[in-house]
All heavy atoms as atom14 arrays in JSON, in Angstrom:
{
  "sequence": "FGGFVRLKGENAIDLESRYAKGSFGKAPIISRILILCGGVLMNFL",
  "atom14_mask": [
    [1, 1, 1, 1, 1, 1, 1, 1, 1, 1, 1, 0, 0, 0],
    [1, 1, 1, 1, 0, 0, 0, 0, 0, 0, 0, 0, 0, 0],
    [1, 1, 1, 1, 0, 0, 0, 0, 0, 0, 0, 0, 0, 0],
    [1, 1, 1, 1, 1, 1, 1, 1, 1, 1, 1, 0, 0, 0],
    [1, 1, 1, 1, 1, 1, 1, 0, 0, 0, 0, 0, 0, 0],
    [1, 1, 1, 1, 1, 1, 1, 1, 1, 1, 1, 0, 0, 0],
    [1, 1, 1, 1, 1, 1, 1, 1, 0, 0, 0, 0, 0, 0],
    [1, 1, 1, 1, 1, 1, 1, 1, 1, 0, 0, 0, 0, 0],
    [1, 1, 1, 1, 0, 0, 0, 0, 0, 0, 0, 0, 0, 0],
    [1, 1, 1, 1, 1, 1, 1, 1, 1, 0, 0, 0, 0, 0],
    [1, 1, 1, 1, 1, 1, 1, 1, 0, 0, 0, 0, 0, 0],
    [1, 1, 1, 1, 1, 0, 0, 0, 0, 0, 0, 0, 0, 0],
    [1, 1, 1, 1, 1, 1, 1, 1, 0, 0, 0, 0, 0, 0],
    [1, 1, 1, 1, 1, 1, 1, 1, 0, 0, 0, 0, 0, 0],
    [1, 1, 1, 1, 1, 1, 1, 1, 0, 0, 0, 0, 0, 0],
    [1, 1, 1, 1, 1, 1, 1, 1, 1, 0, 0, 0, 0, 0],
    [1, 1, 1, 1, 1, 1, 0, 0, 0, 0, 0, 0, 0, 0],
    [1, 1, 1, 1, 1, 1, 1, 1, 1, 1, 1, 0, 0, 0],
    [1, 1, 1, 1, 1, 1, 1, 1, 1, 1, 1, 1, 0, 0],
    [1, 1, 1, 1, 1, 0, 0, 0, 0, 0, 0, 0, 0, 0],
    [1, 1, 1, 1, 1, 1, 1, 1, 1, 0, 0, 0, 0, 0],
    [1, 1, 1, 1, 0, 0, 0, 0, 0, 0, 0, 0, 0, 0],
    [1, 1, 1, 1, 1, 1, 0, 0, 0, 0, 0, 0, 0, 0],
    [1, 1, 1, 1, 1, 1, 1, 1, 1, 1, 1, 0, 0, 0],
    [1, 1, 1, 1, 0, 0, 0, 0, 0, 0, 0, 0, 0, 0],
    [1, 1, 1, 1, 1, 1, 1, 1, 1, 0, 0, 0, 0, 0],
    [1, 1, 1, 1, 1, 0, 0, 0, 0, 0, 0, 0, 0, 0],
    [1, 1, 1, 1, 1, 1, 1, 0, 0, 0, 0, 0, 0, 0],
    [1, 1, 1, 1, 1, 1, 1, 1, 0, 0, 0, 0, 0, 0],
    [1, 1, 1, 1, 1, 1, 1, 1, 0, 0, 0, 0, 0, 0],
    [1, 1, 1, 1, 1, 1, 0, 0, 0, 0, 0, 0, 0, 0],
    [1, 1, 1, 1, 1, 1, 1, 1, 1, 1, 1, 0, 0, 0],
    [1, 1, 1, 1, 1, 1, 1, 1, 0, 0, 0, 0, 0, 0],
    [1, 1, 1, 1, 1, 1, 1, 1, 0, 0, 0, 0, 0, 0],
    [1, 1, 1, 1, 1, 1, 1, 1, 0, 0, 0, 0, 0, 0],
    [1, 1, 1, 1, 1, 1, 1, 1, 0, 0, 0, 0, 0, 0],
    [1, 1, 1, 1, 1, 1, 0, 0, 0, 0, 0, 0, 0, 0],
    [1, 1, 1, 1, 0, 0, 0, 0, 0, 0, 0, 0, 0, 0],
    [1, 1, 1, 1, 0, 0, 0, 0, 0, 0, 0, 0, 0, 0],
    [1, 1, 1, 1, 1, 1, 1, 0, 0, 0, 0, 0, 0, 0],
    [1, 1, 1, 1, 1, 1, 1, 1, 0, 0, 0, 0, 0, 0],
    [1, 1, 1, 1, 1, 1, 1, 1, 0, 0, 0, 0, 0, 0],
    [1, 1, 1, 1, 1, 1, 1, 1, 0, 0, 0, 0, 0, 0],
    [1, 1, 1, 1, 1, 1, 1, 1, 1, 1, 1, 0, 0, 0],
    [1, 1, 1, 1, 1, 1, 1, 1, 0, 0, 0, 0, 0, 0]
  ],
  "atom14_positions": [
    [[22.9, 72.78, -239.28], [21.69, 72.79, -238.42], [21.56, 74.11, -237.84], [22.34, 74.7, -237.19], [22.07, 71.78, -237.21], [20.91, 71.62, -236.32], [19.91, 70.61, -236.65], [20.77, 72.25, -235.09], [18.84, 70.44, -235.8], [19.64, 72.01, -234.25], [18.75, 71.1, -234.64], [0.0, 0.0, 0.0], [0.0, 0.0, 0.0], [0.0, 0.0, 0.0]],
    [[20.45, 74.67, -238.16], [19.97, 76.05, -237.6], [20.8, 77.1, -238.31], [21.09, 77.11, -239.49], [0.0, 0.0, 0.0], [0.0, 0.0, 0.0], [0.0, 0.0, 0.0], [0.0, 0.0, 0.0], [0.0, 0.0, 0.0], [0.0, 0.0, 0.0], [0.0, 0.0, 0.0], [0.0, 0.0, 0.0], [0.0, 0.0, 0.0], [0.0, 0.0, 0.0]],
    [[21.13, 78.13, -237.56], [21.82, 79.38, -238.02], [22.02, 80.35, -236.86], [21.67, 80.1, -235.77], [0.0, 0.0, 0.0], [0.0, 0.0, 0.0], [0.0, 0.0, 0.0], [0.0, 0.0, 0.0], [0.0, 0.0, 0.0], [0.0, 0.0, 0.0], [0.0, 0.0, 0.0], [0.0, 0.0, 0.0], [0.0, 0.0, 0.0], [0.0, 0.0, 0.0]],
    [[22.59, 81.47, -237.27], [22.86, 82.51, -236.23], [22.97, 83.91, -236.9], [23.17, 84.0, -238.05], [24.14, 82.18, -235.43], [25.43, 82.29, -236.34], [26.13, 83.48, -236.32], [25.81, 81.2, -237.02], [27.31, 83.56, -237.12], [26.96, 81.32, -237.85], [27.68, 82.51, -237.91], [0.0, 0.0, 0.0], [0.0, 0.0, 0.0], [0.0, 0.0, 0.0]],
    [[22.77, 84.92, -236.04], [23.08, 86.3, -236.45], [24.07, 86.95, -235.46], [23.89, 86.72, -234.3], [21.65, 87.07, -236.42], [21.94, 88.57, -236.43], [20.76, 86.72, -237.61], [0.0, 0.0, 0.0], [0.0, 0.0, 0.0], [0.0, 0.0, 0.0], [0.0, 0.0, 0.0], [0.0, 0.0, 0.0], [0.0, 0.0, 0.0], [0.0, 0.0, 0.0]],
    [[25.04, 87.58, -236.01], [26.04, 88.26, -235.19], [25.9, 89.82, -235.39], [26.2, 90.3, -236.48], [27.42, 87.79, -235.55], [28.55, 88.42, -234.77], [29.85, 87.5, -234.77], [30.22, 87.2, -236.14], [30.95, 87.92, -236.98], [31.39, 89.14, -236.48], [31.23, 87.62, -238.1], [0.0, 0.0, 0.0], [0.0, 0.0, 0.0], [0.0, 0.0, 0.0]],
    [[25.52, 90.5, -234.31], [25.33, 91.91, -234.36], [26.57, 92.62, -233.93], [27.34, 92.1, -233.17], [24.13, 92.36, -233.39], [22.79, 91.66, -233.7], [21.86, 92.09, -232.58], [22.28, 91.92, -235.07], [0.0, 0.0, 0.0], [0.0, 0.0, 0.0], [0.0, 0.0, 0.0], [0.0, 0.0, 0.0], [0.0, 0.0, 0.0], [0.0, 0.0, 0.0]],
    [[26.81, 93.78, -234.49], [27.96, 94.53, -234.28], [28.07, 94.89, -232.72], [27.1, 95.45, -232.13], [28.03, 95.84, -235.04], [29.29, 96.66, -234.81], [29.25, 97.9, -235.73], [30.58, 98.73, -235.57], [30.66, 99.93, -236.44], [0.0, 0.0, 0.0], [0.0, 0.0, 0.0], [0.0, 0.0, 0.0], [0.0, 0.0, 0.0], [0.0, 0.0, 0.0]],
    [[29.22, 94.55, -232.16], [29.47, 94.9, -230.75], [28.7, 94.17, -229.78], [28.72, 94.41, -228.55], [0.0, 0.0, 0.0], [0.0, 0.0, 0.0], [0.0, 0.0, 0.0], [0.0, 0.0, 0.0], [0.0, 0.0, 0.0], [0.0, 0.0, 0.0], [0.0, 0.0, 0.0], [0.0, 0.0, 0.0], [0.0, 0.0, 0.0], [0.0, 0.0, 0.0]],
    [[27.98, 93.1, -230.19], [27.06, 92.36, -229.32], [27.76, 91.7, -228.16], [27.39, 91.69, -227.06], [26.33, 91.28, -230.11], [25.22, 90.55, -229.41], [24.56, 89.55, -230.27], [25.01, 89.3, -231.39], [23.52, 89.06, -229.89], [0.0, 0.0, 0.0], [0.0, 0.0, 0.0], [0.0, 0.0, 0.0], [0.0, 0.0, 0.0], [0.0, 0.0, 0.0]],
    [[28.97, 91.08, -228.46], [29.71, 90.31, -227.45], [30.99, 91.08, -227.1], [31.89, 90.32, -226.46], [29.9, 88.86, -227.93], [28.68, 88.11, -228.11], [27.76, 88.15, -227.3], [28.59, 87.4, -229.2], [0.0, 0.0, 0.0], [0.0, 0.0, 0.0], [0.0, 0.0, 0.0], [0.0, 0.0, 0.0], [0.0, 0.0, 0.0], [0.0, 0.0, 0.0]],
    [[31.14, 92.24, -227.41], [32.41, 93.02, -227.17], [32.51, 93.34, -225.65], [31.52, 93.62, -224.98], [32.5, 94.28, -227.91], [0.0, 0.0, 0.0], [0.0, 0.0, 0.0], [0.0, 0.0, 0.0], [0.0, 0.0, 0.0], [0.0, 0.0, 0.0], [0.0, 0.0, 0.0], [0.0, 0.0, 0.0], [0.0, 0.0, 0.0], [0.0, 0.0, 0.0]],
    [[33.7, 93.26, -225.14], [33.97, 93.58, -223.75], [34.42, 94.92, -223.57], [33.98, 95.63, -222.64], [35.04, 92.57, -223.12], [34.51, 91.15, -223.22], [35.46, 93.0, -221.76], [35.37, 90.11, -222.67], [0.0, 0.0, 0.0], [0.0, 0.0, 0.0], [0.0, 0.0, 0.0], [0.0, 0.0, 0.0], [0.0, 0.0, 0.0], [0.0, 0.0, 0.0]],
    [[35.31, 95.42, -224.47], [35.8, 96.87, -224.3], [34.67, 97.83, -224.79], [33.88, 97.56, -225.64], [36.99, 97.07, -225.18], [36.74, 96.9, -226.65], [36.54, 95.73, -227.07], [36.65, 97.9, -227.33], [0.0, 0.0, 0.0], [0.0, 0.0, 0.0], [0.0, 0.0, 0.0], [0.0, 0.0, 0.0], [0.0, 0.0, 0.0], [0.0, 0.0, 0.0]],
    [[34.61, 98.89, -223.95], [33.51, 99.93, -224.15], [33.46, 100.5, -225.47], [32.35, 100.82, -226.07], [33.58, 100.98, -223.11], [33.43, 100.46, -221.63], [33.6, 101.62, -220.65], [32.03, 99.85, -221.52], [0.0, 0.0, 0.0], [0.0, 0.0, 0.0], [0.0, 0.0, 0.0], [0.0, 0.0, 0.0], [0.0, 0.0, 0.0], [0.0, 0.0, 0.0]],
    [[34.68, 100.77, -226.12], [34.75, 101.42, -227.4], [34.06, 100.56, -228.51], [33.26, 101.11, -229.23], [36.26, 101.59, -227.79], [36.36, 102.4, -229.07], [37.82, 102.65, -229.44], [38.71, 102.39, -228.66], [38.07, 103.13, -230.53], [0.0, 0.0, 0.0], [0.0, 0.0, 0.0], [0.0, 0.0, 0.0], [0.0, 0.0, 0.0], [0.0, 0.0, 0.0]],
    [[34.31, 99.2, -228.5], [33.61, 98.36, -229.48], [32.17, 98.18, -229.17], [31.32, 98.09, -230.09], [34.36, 96.99, -229.52], [35.72, 97.13, -229.86], [0.0, 0.0, 0.0], [0.0, 0.0, 0.0], [0.0, 0.0, 0.0], [0.0, 0.0, 0.0], [0.0, 0.0, 0.0], [0.0, 0.0, 0.0], [0.0, 0.0, 0.0], [0.0, 0.0, 0.0]],
    [[31.89, 98.04, -227.83], [30.51, 97.78, -227.38], [29.56, 98.89, -227.79], [28.4, 98.67, -228.11], [30.52, 97.6, -225.88], [29.15, 97.14, -225.31], [29.24, 96.89, -223.83], [28.05, 96.51, -223.33], [27.7, 96.29, -221.99], [28.67, 96.55, -221.12], [26.61, 95.92, -221.57], [0.0, 0.0, 0.0], [0.0, 0.0, 0.0], [0.0, 0.0, 0.0]],
    [[30.01, 100.22, -227.76], [29.19, 101.29, -227.99], [29.57, 102.03, -229.23], [29.3, 103.33, -229.39], [29.19, 102.19, -226.74], [28.6, 101.62, -225.55], [29.42, 101.19, -224.53], [27.16, 101.32, -225.43], [28.82, 100.57, -223.35], [26.69, 100.8, -224.32], [27.44, 100.32, -223.34], [26.95, 99.75, -222.22], [0.0, 0.0, 0.0], [0.0, 0.0, 0.0]],
    [[30.24, 101.34, -230.17], [30.58, 101.99, -231.53], [29.34, 102.35, -232.24], [28.32, 101.7, -232.01], [31.48, 101.06, -232.22], [0.0, 0.0, 0.0], [0.0, 0.0, 0.0], [0.0, 0.0, 0.0], [0.0, 0.0, 0.0], [0.0, 0.0, 0.0], [0.0, 0.0, 0.0], [0.0, 0.0, 0.0], [0.0, 0.0, 0.0], [0.0, 0.0, 0.0]],
    [[29.47, 103.19, -233.22], [28.37, 103.63, -234.06], [27.78, 102.35, -234.81], [28.56, 101.55, -235.38], [28.82, 104.64, -235.02], [27.69, 105.12, -235.98], [28.18, 106.19, -236.92], [26.97, 106.71, -237.8], [27.4, 107.63, -238.87], [0.0, 0.0, 0.0], [0.0, 0.0, 0.0], [0.0, 0.0, 0.0], [0.0, 0.0, 0.0], [0.0, 0.0, 0.0]],
    [[26.45, 102.13, -234.73], [25.87, 101.01, -235.47], [25.82, 99.68, -234.67], [25.37, 98.76, -235.16], [0.0, 0.0, 0.0], [0.0, 0.0, 0.0], [0.0, 0.0, 0.0], [0.0, 0.0, 0.0], [0.0, 0.0, 0.0], [0.0, 0.0, 0.0], [0.0, 0.0, 0.0], [0.0, 0.0, 0.0], [0.0, 0.0, 0.0], [0.0, 0.0, 0.0]],
    [[26.39, 99.74, -233.48], [26.51, 98.55, -232.52], [25.17, 98.36, -231.81], [24.27, 99.29, -231.65], [27.62, 98.63, -231.56], [27.34, 99.69, -230.64], [0.0, 0.0, 0.0], [0.0, 0.0, 0.0], [0.0, 0.0, 0.0], [0.0, 0.0, 0.0], [0.0, 0.0, 0.0], [0.0, 0.0, 0.0], [0.0, 0.0, 0.0], [0.0, 0.0, 0.0]],
    [[25.01, 97.08, -231.35], [23.76, 96.78, -230.59], [23.67, 97.66, -229.32], [22.58, 98.09, -228.93], [23.82, 95.27, -230.25], [22.67, 94.82, -229.5], [21.35, 94.63, -230.1], [22.84, 94.45, -228.08], [20.22, 94.23, -229.32], [21.71, 94.03, -227.35], [20.48, 93.88, -227.97], [0.0, 0.0, 0.0], [0.0, 0.0, 0.0], [0.0, 0.0, 0.0]],
    [[24.77, 97.81, -228.61], [24.86, 98.52, -227.33], [24.53, 100.02, -227.49], [24.04, 100.64, -226.62], [0.0, 0.0, 0.0], [0.0, 0.0, 0.0], [0.0, 0.0, 0.0], [0.0, 0.0, 0.0], [0.0, 0.0, 0.0], [0.0, 0.0, 0.0], [0.0, 0.0, 0.0], [0.0, 0.0, 0.0], [0.0, 0.0, 0.0], [0.0, 0.0, 0.0]],
    [[24.88, 100.5, -228.71], [24.58, 101.93, -228.94], [23.15, 102.29, -229.27], [22.73, 103.42, -229.09], [25.49, 102.38, -230.11], [25.54, 103.91, -230.47], [26.25, 104.68, -229.36], [26.43, 106.14, -229.77], [26.98, 106.96, -228.77], [0.0, 0.0, 0.0], [0.0, 0.0, 0.0], [0.0, 0.0, 0.0], [0.0, 0.0, 0.0], [0.0, 0.0, 0.0]],
    [[22.4, 101.28, -229.72], [21.03, 101.48, -230.11], [20.18, 101.81, -228.82], [20.46, 101.41, -227.74], [20.44, 100.17, -230.71], [0.0, 0.0, 0.0], [0.0, 0.0, 0.0], [0.0, 0.0, 0.0], [0.0, 0.0, 0.0], [0.0, 0.0, 0.0], [0.0, 0.0, 0.0], [0.0, 0.0, 0.0], [0.0, 0.0, 0.0], [0.0, 0.0, 0.0]],
    [[19.13, 102.62, -229.06], [18.21, 102.99, -227.85], [17.66, 101.71, -227.2], [17.51, 100.63, -227.87], [17.09, 103.76, -228.55], [17.72, 104.35, -229.71], [18.67, 103.25, -230.2], [0.0, 0.0, 0.0], [0.0, 0.0, 0.0], [0.0, 0.0, 0.0], [0.0, 0.0, 0.0], [0.0, 0.0, 0.0], [0.0, 0.0, 0.0], [0.0, 0.0, 0.0]],
    [[17.29, 101.72, -225.98], [16.77, 100.58, -225.24], [15.61, 99.91, -226.0], [15.45, 98.7, -226.04], [16.5, 100.96, -223.76], [17.75, 101.05, -223.04], [15.6, 99.8, -223.2], [17.64, 101.39, -221.57], [0.0, 0.0, 0.0], [0.0, 0.0, 0.0], [0.0, 0.0, 0.0], [0.0, 0.0, 0.0], [0.0, 0.0, 0.0], [0.0, 0.0, 0.0]],
    [[14.65, 100.82, -226.39], [13.38, 100.3, -227.04], [13.83, 99.56, -228.33], [13.19, 98.5, -228.64], [12.39, 101.36, -227.29], [11.16, 100.79, -227.83], [12.95, 102.34, -228.28], [10.42, 99.92, -226.79], [0.0, 0.0, 0.0], [0.0, 0.0, 0.0], [0.0, 0.0, 0.0], [0.0, 0.0, 0.0], [0.0, 0.0, 0.0], [0.0, 0.0, 0.0]],
    [[14.88, 99.95, -229.04], [15.3, 99.24, -230.25], [15.85, 97.97, -229.85], [15.64, 96.96, -230.57], [16.27, 100.19, -230.97], [15.76, 101.31, -231.43], [0.0, 0.0, 0.0], [0.0, 0.0, 0.0], [0.0, 0.0, 0.0], [0.0, 0.0, 0.0], [0.0, 0.0, 0.0], [0.0, 0.0, 0.0], [0.0, 0.0, 0.0], [0.0, 0.0, 0.0]],
    [[16.7, 97.84, -228.89], [17.27, 96.56, -228.44], [16.17, 95.63, -227.95], [16.31, 94.39, -228.24], [18.21, 96.82, -227.38], [19.66, 97.32, -227.82], [20.61, 97.54, -226.65], [20.42, 98.9, -226.06], [20.91, 99.23, -224.81], [21.55, 98.22, -224.13], [20.75, 100.39, -224.5], [0.0, 0.0, 0.0], [0.0, 0.0, 0.0], [0.0, 0.0, 0.0]],
    [[15.21, 96.1, -227.31], [14.07, 95.16, -226.84], [13.4, 94.62, -228.13], [13.11, 93.43, -228.23], [13.09, 95.99, -226.06], [13.7, 96.29, -224.63], [11.78, 95.14, -225.87], [12.88, 97.12, -223.75], [0.0, 0.0, 0.0], [0.0, 0.0, 0.0], [0.0, 0.0, 0.0], [0.0, 0.0, 0.0], [0.0, 0.0, 0.0], [0.0, 0.0, 0.0]],
    [[13.12, 95.51, -229.11], [12.47, 94.95, -230.4], [13.32, 94.03, -231.17], [12.76, 93.02, -231.6], [12.07, 96.21, -231.24], [11.02, 97.11, -230.67], [10.91, 98.29, -231.61], [9.66, 96.32, -230.71], [0.0, 0.0, 0.0], [0.0, 0.0, 0.0], [0.0, 0.0, 0.0], [0.0, 0.0, 0.0], [0.0, 0.0, 0.0], [0.0, 0.0, 0.0]],
    [[14.64, 94.26, -231.14], [15.56, 93.4, -231.89], [15.52, 91.96, -231.18], [15.48, 90.93, -231.84], [17.0, 94.04, -231.89], [16.99, 95.17, -232.81], [17.94, 92.94, -232.35], [18.23, 95.97, -232.73], [0.0, 0.0, 0.0], [0.0, 0.0, 0.0], [0.0, 0.0, 0.0], [0.0, 0.0, 0.0], [0.0, 0.0, 0.0], [0.0, 0.0, 0.0]],
    [[15.58, 91.99, -229.83], [15.58, 90.77, -229.01], [14.31, 90.01, -229.18], [14.3, 88.78, -229.13], [15.92, 91.01, -227.59], [17.3, 91.49, -227.23], [17.46, 91.92, -225.78], [18.35, 90.33, -227.53], [0.0, 0.0, 0.0], [0.0, 0.0, 0.0], [0.0, 0.0, 0.0], [0.0, 0.0, 0.0], [0.0, 0.0, 0.0], [0.0, 0.0, 0.0]],
    [[13.24, 90.65, -229.26], [11.91, 90.09, -229.42], [11.55, 89.66, -230.89], [10.56, 89.01, -231.22], [10.77, 90.98, -228.92], [10.94, 91.19, -227.13], [0.0, 0.0, 0.0], [0.0, 0.0, 0.0], [0.0, 0.0, 0.0], [0.0, 0.0, 0.0], [0.0, 0.0, 0.0], [0.0, 0.0, 0.0], [0.0, 0.0, 0.0], [0.0, 0.0, 0.0]],
    [[12.46, 90.06, -231.85], [12.12, 89.9, -233.26], [12.04, 88.43, -233.64], [11.15, 88.04, -234.43], [0.0, 0.0, 0.0], [0.0, 0.0, 0.0], [0.0, 0.0, 0.0], [0.0, 0.0, 0.0], [0.0, 0.0, 0.0], [0.0, 0.0, 0.0], [0.0, 0.0, 0.0], [0.0, 0.0, 0.0], [0.0, 0.0, 0.0], [0.0, 0.0, 0.0]],
    [[12.99, 87.65, -233.09], [12.96, 86.17, -233.4], [11.64, 85.48, -232.86], [11.06, 84.75, -233.57], [0.0, 0.0, 0.0], [0.0, 0.0, 0.0], [0.0, 0.0, 0.0], [0.0, 0.0, 0.0], [0.0, 0.0, 0.0], [0.0, 0.0, 0.0], [0.0, 0.0, 0.0], [0.0, 0.0, 0.0], [0.0, 0.0, 0.0], [0.0, 0.0, 0.0]],
    [[11.36, 85.83, -231.69], [10.12, 85.27, -231.02], [8.88, 85.68, -231.86], [7.99, 84.82, -232.13], [9.96, 85.81, -229.54], [8.64, 85.47, -228.98], [11.1, 85.2, -228.75], [0.0, 0.0, 0.0], [0.0, 0.0, 0.0], [0.0, 0.0, 0.0], [0.0, 0.0, 0.0], [0.0, 0.0, 0.0], [0.0, 0.0, 0.0], [0.0, 0.0, 0.0]],
    [[8.84, 86.98, -232.16], [7.69, 87.36, -233.05], [7.58, 86.67, -234.37], [6.5, 86.23, -234.72], [7.82, 88.9, -233.31], [6.74, 89.58, -234.23], [5.41, 89.41, -233.52], [7.09, 90.93, -234.49], [0.0, 0.0, 0.0], [0.0, 0.0, 0.0], [0.0, 0.0, 0.0], [0.0, 0.0, 0.0], [0.0, 0.0, 0.0], [0.0, 0.0, 0.0]],
    [[8.71, 86.38, -234.99], [8.67, 85.67, -236.25], [8.15, 84.23, -236.05], [7.38, 83.7, -236.86], [10.0, 85.63, -236.92], [10.45, 86.95, -237.39], [9.37, 87.59, -238.72], [10.01, 86.55, -240.18], [0.0, 0.0, 0.0], [0.0, 0.0, 0.0], [0.0, 0.0, 0.0], [0.0, 0.0, 0.0], [0.0, 0.0, 0.0], [0.0, 0.0, 0.0]],
    [[8.57, 83.51, -234.96], [8.07, 82.22, -234.73], [6.6, 82.21, -234.39], [5.86, 81.27, -234.8], [8.92, 81.56, -233.55], [10.28, 81.09, -233.96], [11.25, 81.47, -233.37], [10.33, 80.31, -235.03], [0.0, 0.0, 0.0], [0.0, 0.0, 0.0], [0.0, 0.0, 0.0], [0.0, 0.0, 0.0], [0.0, 0.0, 0.0], [0.0, 0.0, 0.0]],
    [[6.15, 83.22, -233.63], [4.69, 83.31, -233.4], [3.9, 83.51, -234.73], [2.84, 82.91, -234.94], [4.4, 84.47, -232.48], [4.34, 84.05, -230.97], [5.28, 84.45, -230.1], [3.24, 83.32, -230.53], [5.22, 84.09, -228.76], [3.11, 83.01, -229.21], [4.1, 83.35, -228.3], [0.0, 0.0, 0.0], [0.0, 0.0, 0.0], [0.0, 0.0, 0.0]],
    [[4.36, 84.42, -235.56], [3.74, 84.65, -236.81], [3.7, 83.47, -237.74], [2.69, 83.22, -238.42], [4.44, 85.86, -237.54], [4.26, 87.28, -236.96], [4.98, 88.28, -237.63], [2.79, 87.69, -236.96], [0.0, 0.0, 0.0], [0.0, 0.0, 0.0], [0.0, 0.0, 0.0], [0.0, 0.0, 0.0], [0.0, 0.0, 0.0], [0.0, 0.0, 0.0]]
  ]
}
């Protein structure tokens, strides 16, 4: 039923993993906003 996407560092508690290269937390704020809105946009489309 359904599915999921797991982004790097998305649920990490320690700062090193949370802000590692290529992680969700390391991305610029505008990039994170677009990623979070991506699913909503696809459903609208």
